Protein backbone atom coordinates (compact mmCIF):
# COMPACT_ATOMS: atom_id res chain seq x y z
CA GLN A 1 -4.02 -16.03 -11.98
CA VAL A 2 -3.59 -12.63 -10.39
CA ARG A 3 -0.88 -12.36 -7.75
CA LEU A 4 0.17 -9.45 -5.59
CA VAL A 5 3.42 -9.86 -3.69
CA GLU A 6 4.65 -7.32 -1.18
CA SER A 7 8.27 -6.78 -0.18
CA GLY A 8 10.38 -4.30 1.71
CA GLY A 9 9.07 -4.73 5.23
CA GLY A 10 11.31 -5.09 8.23
CA LEU A 11 12.47 -3.51 11.45
CA VAL A 12 13.02 0.24 11.39
CA GLN A 13 13.79 2.77 14.09
CA ALA A 14 11.33 5.52 14.82
CA GLY A 15 12.02 8.51 12.62
CA GLY A 16 13.35 6.34 9.83
CA SER A 17 12.05 5.65 6.34
CA LEU A 18 10.90 2.61 4.44
CA LYS A 19 9.87 1.68 0.92
CA LEU A 20 7.38 -1.10 0.37
CA SER A 21 6.91 -2.61 -3.07
CA CYS A 22 4.04 -4.57 -4.54
CA SER A 23 4.85 -6.72 -7.52
CA THR A 24 1.87 -7.83 -9.56
CA SER A 25 1.36 -10.55 -12.15
CA GLY A 26 -1.53 -12.04 -14.06
CA ARG A 27 -2.98 -8.81 -15.41
CA THR A 28 -2.12 -5.19 -16.14
CA PHE A 29 -3.11 -2.25 -13.97
CA SER A 30 -5.50 -0.91 -16.61
CA GLY A 31 -8.95 -0.34 -15.13
CA TYR A 32 -7.80 -0.93 -11.57
CA VAL A 33 -6.79 1.20 -8.64
CA MET A 34 -3.96 -0.18 -6.55
CA CYS A 35 -4.06 0.30 -2.82
CA TRP A 36 -2.10 -0.15 0.37
CA PHE A 37 -3.76 -1.13 3.62
CA ARG A 38 -2.30 -1.97 7.01
CA GLN A 39 -3.38 -3.97 10.01
CA ALA A 40 -1.92 -3.55 13.46
CA PRO A 41 -2.31 -6.28 16.10
CA GLY A 42 -5.83 -6.29 17.50
CA ARG A 43 -7.07 -3.67 15.07
CA GLU A 44 -9.13 -3.58 11.91
CA ARG A 45 -7.40 -3.46 8.55
CA GLU A 46 -7.21 0.19 7.52
CA PHE A 47 -6.76 2.03 4.27
CA VAL A 48 -3.48 3.88 3.70
CA ALA A 49 -3.28 5.02 0.08
CA SER A 50 -4.47 4.35 -3.45
CA ILE A 51 -3.31 5.19 -6.95
CA SER A 52 -4.88 4.87 -10.38
CA ALA A 53 -3.35 2.79 -13.15
CA SER A 54 -2.01 5.90 -14.89
CA GLY A 55 -0.66 7.36 -11.66
CA ASP A 56 -2.54 10.60 -12.29
CA SER A 57 -5.02 10.03 -9.49
CA ILE A 58 -3.76 9.52 -5.93
CA TYR A 59 -5.55 9.43 -2.60
CA ILE A 60 -3.75 9.18 0.73
CA ASP A 61 -5.49 8.84 4.05
CA ASP A 62 -5.33 11.99 6.17
CA SER A 63 -3.73 10.10 9.04
CA VAL A 64 -0.51 9.59 7.06
CA SER A 65 -0.75 12.12 4.23
CA ASP A 66 2.23 14.14 5.45
CA ARG A 67 4.51 11.10 5.60
CA VAL A 68 3.47 8.79 2.78
CA THR A 69 3.85 8.76 -0.99
CA ILE A 70 2.57 6.16 -3.45
CA SER A 71 3.78 5.54 -6.97
CA ILE A 72 3.13 3.11 -9.81
CA ASP A 73 5.36 1.72 -12.53
CA ASN A 74 3.37 0.12 -15.32
CA ALA A 75 6.48 -1.12 -17.11
CA LYS A 76 7.61 -3.05 -14.03
CA ASN A 77 4.10 -3.87 -12.76
CA THR A 78 4.97 -2.50 -9.35
CA VAL A 79 3.37 -0.16 -6.86
CA ASP A 80 5.54 1.43 -4.19
CA LEU A 81 4.65 2.95 -0.86
CA ARG A 82 7.22 5.22 0.72
CA MET A 83 6.91 6.15 4.35
CA ASN A 84 9.09 8.54 6.30
CA SER A 85 9.23 9.86 9.84
CA LEU A 86 8.04 6.45 10.95
CA LYS A 87 6.34 6.14 14.33
CA THR A 88 5.86 3.12 16.54
CA GLU A 89 2.17 3.27 15.74
CA ASP A 90 3.02 2.54 12.10
CA THR A 91 3.87 -1.00 13.18
CA ALA A 92 1.55 -3.28 11.23
CA VAL A 93 1.29 -5.80 8.45
CA TYR A 94 1.05 -3.85 5.21
CA TYR A 95 -1.05 -5.23 2.38
CA CYS A 96 -1.18 -4.45 -1.30
CA ALA A 97 -4.59 -4.74 -2.92
CA SER A 98 -6.50 -3.95 -6.07
CA VAL A 99 -10.00 -2.71 -6.81
CA ARG A 100 -11.77 -2.22 -10.13
CA LYS A 101 -12.02 1.57 -10.31
CA ALA A 102 -10.89 4.36 -12.55
CA GLN A 103 -9.96 7.01 -10.02
CA ALA A 104 -8.15 6.77 -6.71
CA THR A 105 -10.33 7.38 -3.68
CA TYR A 106 -10.69 6.11 -0.16
CA VAL A 107 -11.20 2.37 -0.57
CA TYR A 108 -13.14 0.03 1.70
CA THR A 109 -11.85 -3.49 2.32
CA SER A 110 -15.12 -4.89 0.95
CA TRP A 111 -14.34 -3.40 -2.45
CA ILE A 112 -11.05 -5.28 -2.88
CA ASP A 113 -10.80 -8.05 -5.46
CA TYR A 114 -7.25 -9.21 -4.75
CA TRP A 115 -4.99 -9.00 -1.70
CA GLY A 116 -1.33 -9.67 -1.30
CA GLN A 117 -0.07 -11.81 1.57
CA GLY A 118 1.26 -8.82 3.50
CA THR A 119 4.64 -7.68 4.74
CA GLN A 120 5.47 -6.90 8.36
CA VAL A 121 6.72 -3.45 9.29
CA THR A 122 7.96 -3.01 12.85
CA VAL A 123 8.99 0.41 14.09
CA SER A 124 11.08 0.42 17.25
CA SER A 125 11.39 3.32 19.66
C-alpha cells in the first residue's frame, strides 16, 4: 500500500521560512514524479512544485519560483519543500502527491495517483 505522509507544517511569521517533508512508503520513486500542491480556504488546490525520481528534473510554479526549492532523497524516501520569505497568502494546506511521469512538469490534480493527507501552514502577519 502506497502512503504519503507530510510533516513540518505549522504557524510561521511572515518573512520566515519553513521546510515541509513528505515521507513515502509502499514503493520507490522510480518512474514517478513527486509533487507539492496547496489549497487555501475557499480556493482550488493548486500546483506548487514537482521533481523527478532522480532529482535531475524540477519544475516550480512561477508564482513561487523565487521562494521555493524542492529536493528528493531516494535513500530516505523523502521529498522536501523549502519555502522562504513566507507571505500570508502562502497560508494553505500543503499536499504531497505522486504522478507516473519521467520528467517534472506542471502537474494537474487529475493526473495524481496518490495524495498525502496534507499539512497545515499558517503564515501570520
